[in-house]
Amino acid sequence: MKAALRADFSTVTEQPRQPATRLQLAMLSTRYAWAAGHAAGKDVAEIACGAGLGLGWIARMARSVDAGDVDDANCRVALETYAGREKIHIRRMDALDLPFAGASLDLLLLFEAIYYLPDAAAFLEEARRVLRPGGELLLATVNREWSGFNPSPFHTRYLSAGELAEELARAGFAAHLRAGFAERRGKLDGVIGMIRRAAVRARMIPPTMAGKAFLKRLFYGSLEPIPRELEPGRPSGLGLLQPVSPGMDLSRYRTLYAEARKLR
């Protein structure tokens, strides 16, 4: 099954030189610090890699790194960044029809993209097919239950923590979920949160990354350009991730992280 996606995903993808908040940069670094921690000596693939911001970080640890995106513009940016890096291979890639032989990978990554797929269950079947026995799938996704949640214009379906756990179990994975980047609850934070939620309800949040830059500067002050290649050592929230437990109030947490190991 192929994911016939025609939206311009480069407009909702974090790109080099875009202005970003410290929080946004920390969230980016968390994903790739997490992935690098699982990548040592492994054959790794990142699906929906966007501009490939973290591929060099992963390649420092991995045996090989394959990456791809359904959007040609995203692939071009990644190819420019990693031209000549023998360990990194980038190509156009359909998440529902992965170009890998069965049981050929040790680690598969899908960050902030599962909600764009036409069929998340079909992707999980593909992930299981291409992973070796005991291989891992790492998923990061915005938390639908966060009080400040704002859906992307190109989304298909956002999975809750419970739904994500159920889908992974159904696909033959043993999964552990964690939540990250809890929203602060100070007085000023509360005011900003109220304004944000009102803007979301009124559909005033710009749909593109470029369009959101003005609002970020207004509420969060000075911004820093996103680097073409993320480097280890940047501040992240990896050490602050909280295990998700039944009945846990997830309304404060912006993101979910799932470590899923292929069974059998």
Protein backbone atom coordinates (compact mmCIF):
# COMPACT_ATOMS: atom_id res chain seq x y z
CA MET A 1 0.00 0.00 0.00
CA LYS A 2 1.40 3.39 -0.93
CA ALA A 3 0.81 6.69 0.83
CA ALA A 4 -0.23 8.99 -2.00
CA LEU A 5 0.56 12.21 -0.15
CA ARG A 6 0.47 15.45 -2.14
CA ALA A 7 0.69 18.12 0.54
CA ASP A 8 3.81 20.31 0.60
CA PHE A 9 5.31 18.92 3.78
CA SER A 10 8.36 21.15 3.52
CA THR A 11 6.14 24.02 4.77
CA VAL A 12 5.44 22.22 8.06
CA THR A 13 8.95 20.81 8.49
CA GLU A 14 11.66 22.40 10.61
CA GLN A 15 14.21 23.70 8.14
CA PRO A 16 17.78 25.06 8.48
CA ARG A 17 17.94 28.77 9.30
CA GLN A 18 14.30 28.98 10.44
CA PRO A 19 14.02 30.96 13.70
CA ALA A 20 13.27 28.72 16.67
CA THR A 21 12.71 29.02 20.39
CA ARG A 22 15.00 27.39 22.95
CA LEU A 23 12.18 24.96 23.70
CA GLN A 24 11.85 23.99 20.04
CA LEU A 25 15.60 23.42 19.72
CA ALA A 26 15.62 21.37 22.93
CA MET A 27 12.81 19.19 21.56
CA LEU A 28 14.77 18.60 18.35
CA SER A 29 17.90 17.71 20.31
CA THR A 30 15.96 15.35 22.56
CA ARG A 31 14.79 13.26 19.62
CA TYR A 32 18.28 12.76 18.23
CA ALA A 33 20.06 12.34 21.56
CA TRP A 34 17.50 9.61 22.26
CA ALA A 35 18.03 8.00 18.85
CA ALA A 36 21.83 8.19 19.09
CA GLY A 37 21.65 6.44 22.43
CA HIS A 38 20.05 3.43 20.71
CA ALA A 39 22.12 3.49 17.50
CA ALA A 40 25.58 2.22 18.46
CA GLY A 41 26.85 -0.26 15.85
CA LYS A 42 23.41 -0.62 14.27
CA ASP A 43 21.85 -0.31 10.81
CA VAL A 44 19.46 2.62 11.27
CA ALA A 45 16.77 4.22 9.11
CA GLU A 46 14.88 7.45 9.74
CA ILE A 47 11.54 7.60 7.96
CA ALA A 48 10.03 11.03 7.22
CA CYS A 49 13.44 12.53 8.01
CA GLY A 50 12.46 16.03 6.86
CA ALA A 51 15.55 18.17 6.31
CA GLY A 52 17.70 15.51 7.98
CA LEU A 53 18.75 17.71 10.89
CA GLY A 54 19.85 14.81 13.11
CA LEU A 55 21.31 12.33 10.62
CA GLY A 56 24.93 13.30 11.27
CA TRP A 57 24.40 12.91 15.01
CA ILE A 58 23.05 9.38 14.56
CA ALA A 59 25.81 8.49 12.07
CA ARG A 60 28.45 9.15 14.73
CA MET A 61 27.19 6.02 16.50
CA ALA A 62 25.52 3.85 13.85
CA ARG A 63 27.02 1.35 11.42
CA SER A 64 24.85 2.75 8.61
CA VAL A 65 22.13 5.39 8.28
CA ASP A 66 19.39 5.33 5.64
CA ALA A 67 16.90 8.17 5.55
CA GLY A 68 14.09 9.43 3.40
CA ASP A 69 11.05 11.60 3.09
CA VAL A 70 7.98 11.65 0.86
CA ASP A 71 8.68 15.33 0.08
CA ASP A 72 11.30 15.97 -2.62
CA ALA A 73 12.17 19.43 -1.26
CA ASN A 74 13.00 17.95 2.13
CA CYS A 75 15.16 15.27 0.53
CA ARG A 76 17.11 17.90 -1.45
CA VAL A 77 18.00 19.80 1.72
CA ALA A 78 19.19 16.62 3.43
CA LEU A 79 21.19 15.56 0.37
CA GLU A 80 22.94 18.93 0.27
CA THR A 81 23.85 18.71 3.95
CA TYR A 82 25.30 15.21 3.83
CA ALA A 83 26.83 15.09 0.36
CA GLY A 84 29.95 12.94 0.51
CA ARG A 85 29.11 11.26 3.85
CA GLU A 86 29.61 7.60 2.96
CA LYS A 87 27.68 6.29 5.95
CA ILE A 88 24.51 8.31 5.20
CA HIS A 89 22.15 7.41 2.33
CA ILE A 90 19.13 9.60 1.51
CA ARG A 91 16.32 9.01 -0.99
CA ARG A 92 12.65 9.66 -1.52
CA MET A 93 10.73 7.21 0.63
CA ASP A 94 7.13 6.14 1.22
CA ALA A 95 6.48 5.18 4.84
CA LEU A 96 3.88 2.60 3.77
CA ASP A 97 6.14 0.94 1.20
CA LEU A 98 9.64 0.98 2.69
CA PRO A 99 12.53 0.24 0.28
CA PHE A 100 14.24 -2.25 2.59
CA ALA A 101 14.48 -6.03 2.56
CA GLY A 102 12.81 -7.93 5.34
CA ALA A 103 14.76 -8.14 8.62
CA SER A 104 17.47 -5.78 7.33
CA LEU A 105 17.46 -3.03 10.00
CA ASP A 106 18.16 -2.83 13.71
CA LEU A 107 16.61 0.55 14.47
CA LEU A 108 13.80 2.48 12.80
CA LEU A 109 12.92 6.10 13.61
CA LEU A 110 9.72 8.06 12.95
CA PHE A 111 9.66 11.50 14.56
CA GLU A 112 6.70 13.89 14.46
CA ALA A 113 5.18 12.22 11.42
CA ILE A 114 2.89 9.34 12.38
CA TYR A 115 -0.10 11.72 12.37
CA TYR A 116 0.52 12.52 8.69
CA LEU A 117 0.34 8.91 7.53
CA PRO A 118 -2.83 7.71 5.79
CA ASP A 119 -2.63 4.44 7.73
CA ALA A 120 -0.53 4.24 10.90
CA ALA A 121 -1.24 0.50 11.29
CA ALA A 122 0.12 -0.18 7.79
CA PHE A 123 3.33 1.65 8.69
CA LEU A 124 3.72 -0.42 11.84
CA GLU A 125 3.35 -3.58 9.75
CA GLU A 126 6.12 -2.31 7.46
CA ALA A 127 8.28 -1.46 10.47
CA ARG A 128 7.88 -4.96 11.80
CA ARG A 129 8.73 -6.42 8.38
CA VAL A 130 12.03 -4.54 7.95
CA LEU A 131 13.30 -4.87 11.54
CA ARG A 132 15.46 -7.77 12.61
CA PRO A 133 14.36 -9.92 15.57
CA GLY A 134 14.65 -7.74 18.66
CA GLY A 135 14.95 -4.59 16.53
CA GLU A 136 13.56 -1.32 17.83
CA LEU A 137 11.16 1.33 16.58
CA LEU A 138 11.43 4.78 18.18
CA LEU A 139 8.42 7.07 17.75
CA ALA A 140 8.07 10.69 18.86
CA THR A 141 4.79 12.52 18.42
CA VAL A 142 2.96 15.55 19.71
CA ASN A 143 0.66 14.66 22.59
CA ARG A 144 -2.97 15.00 21.53
CA GLU A 145 -3.99 15.33 25.18
CA TRP A 146 -1.77 18.37 25.84
CA SER A 147 -3.89 21.39 26.81
CA GLY A 148 -2.11 23.54 24.20
CA PHE A 149 -2.47 21.01 21.37
CA ASN A 150 -2.78 22.55 17.88
CA PRO A 151 -3.26 20.11 14.97
CA SER A 152 -1.24 20.41 11.79
CA PRO A 153 -3.24 21.27 8.65
CA PHE A 154 -2.00 18.09 6.91
CA HIS A 155 -2.73 15.60 9.68
CA THR A 156 -4.79 12.46 9.23
CA ARG A 157 -5.12 11.16 12.80
CA TYR A 158 -3.46 11.91 16.13
CA LEU A 159 -3.11 8.92 18.43
CA SER A 160 -3.49 9.32 22.17
CA ALA A 161 -0.96 7.60 24.44
CA GLY A 162 -3.39 4.73 25.00
CA GLU A 163 -4.17 4.36 21.30
CA LEU A 164 -0.48 4.40 20.39
CA ALA A 165 0.26 1.68 22.93
CA GLU A 166 -2.63 -0.41 21.59
CA GLU A 167 -1.53 -0.02 17.95
CA LEU A 168 2.03 -1.03 18.80
CA ALA A 169 0.91 -4.09 20.75
CA ARG A 170 -1.43 -5.12 17.94
CA ALA A 171 1.47 -4.86 15.47
CA GLY A 172 3.67 -7.17 17.54
CA PHE A 173 5.79 -4.72 19.54
CA ALA A 174 6.52 -4.48 23.25
CA ALA A 175 6.36 -0.75 23.93
CA HIS A 176 7.25 1.65 26.71
CA LEU A 177 5.89 5.20 26.51
CA ARG A 178 7.25 8.35 28.11
CA ALA A 179 5.99 11.93 28.14
CA GLY A 180 8.14 15.01 27.84
CA PHE A 181 8.30 18.78 27.99
CA ALA A 182 5.75 19.46 30.67
CA GLU A 183 4.15 22.87 30.39
CA ARG A 184 5.11 25.20 33.21
CA ARG A 185 2.23 26.51 35.34
CA GLY A 186 3.54 29.90 36.52
CA LYS A 187 1.37 33.02 36.30
CA LEU A 188 2.96 34.32 33.08
CA ASP A 189 2.99 30.82 31.59
CA GLY A 190 -0.69 30.54 32.39
CA VAL A 191 -1.48 33.81 30.59
CA ILE A 192 0.49 32.73 27.51
CA GLY A 193 -1.24 29.36 27.58
CA MET A 194 -4.67 30.99 27.72
CA ILE A 195 -3.82 33.22 24.75
CA ARG A 196 -2.47 30.24 22.82
CA ARG A 197 -5.57 28.13 23.46
CA ALA A 198 -7.82 31.01 22.41
CA ALA A 199 -5.78 31.43 19.21
CA VAL A 200 -6.06 27.70 18.49
CA ARG A 201 -9.84 27.77 18.99
CA ALA A 202 -10.12 30.81 16.72
CA ARG A 203 -7.84 29.13 14.13
CA MET A 204 -5.43 32.05 14.27
CA ILE A 205 -2.23 29.93 14.46
CA PRO A 206 -0.45 30.08 11.07
CA PRO A 207 -0.24 26.63 9.42
CA THR A 208 3.40 26.89 8.28
CA MET A 209 6.66 27.00 10.22
CA ALA A 210 7.56 30.32 8.64
CA GLY A 211 4.22 31.83 9.58
CA LYS A 212 4.60 30.80 13.23
CA ALA A 213 7.93 32.64 13.63
CA PHE A 214 6.24 36.00 14.36
CA LEU A 215 4.12 34.55 17.16
CA LYS A 216 7.13 32.77 18.65
CA ARG A 217 9.09 36.00 18.77
CA LEU A 218 6.12 37.83 20.28
CA PHE A 219 5.61 35.36 23.14
CA TYR A 220 9.08 33.92 23.67
CA GLY A 221 11.48 36.75 22.77
CA SER A 222 14.69 36.25 20.82
CA LEU A 223 14.93 33.25 18.54
CA GLU A 224 17.89 31.22 17.31
CA PRO A 225 18.24 29.85 13.76
CA ILE A 226 17.90 26.10 13.40
CA PRO A 227 21.30 24.66 12.42
CA ARG A 228 21.67 22.66 9.23
CA GLU A 229 23.08 19.80 11.32
CA LEU A 230 22.37 19.27 15.01
CA GLU A 231 25.42 18.54 17.14
CA PRO A 232 25.71 16.42 20.31
CA GLY A 233 25.91 18.41 23.51
CA ARG A 234 23.03 20.79 22.82
CA PRO A 235 20.56 21.21 25.71
CA SER A 236 17.78 18.64 25.63
CA GLY A 237 15.01 17.29 27.82
CA LEU A 238 16.01 13.64 27.51
CA GLY A 239 16.70 13.25 31.22
CA LEU A 240 13.31 14.70 32.17
CA LEU A 241 11.06 12.28 30.28
CA GLN A 242 8.41 10.69 32.50
CA PRO A 243 7.11 7.11 32.17
CA VAL A 244 3.47 7.06 31.10
CA SER A 245 1.33 5.12 33.56
CA PRO A 246 -2.39 4.16 33.41
CA GLY A 247 -4.63 7.07 34.38
CA MET A 248 -1.77 9.59 34.26
CA ASP A 249 -2.81 13.20 33.60
CA LEU A 250 -1.04 14.00 30.34
CA SER A 251 -2.54 17.46 29.80
CA ARG A 252 0.73 19.18 30.80
CA TYR A 253 2.99 17.24 28.45
CA ARG A 254 3.71 18.37 24.91
CA THR A 255 5.23 15.19 23.50
CA LEU A 256 5.13 11.40 23.66
CA TYR A 257 8.05 9.03 23.09
CA ALA A 258 7.58 5.32 22.42
CA GLU A 259 10.35 2.70 22.52
CA ALA A 260 8.97 -0.38 20.80
CA ARG A 261 10.84 -3.69 20.49
CA LYS A 262 9.86 -6.21 17.86
CA LEU A 263 8.65 -9.44 19.44
CA ARG A 264 9.50 -12.87 18.04
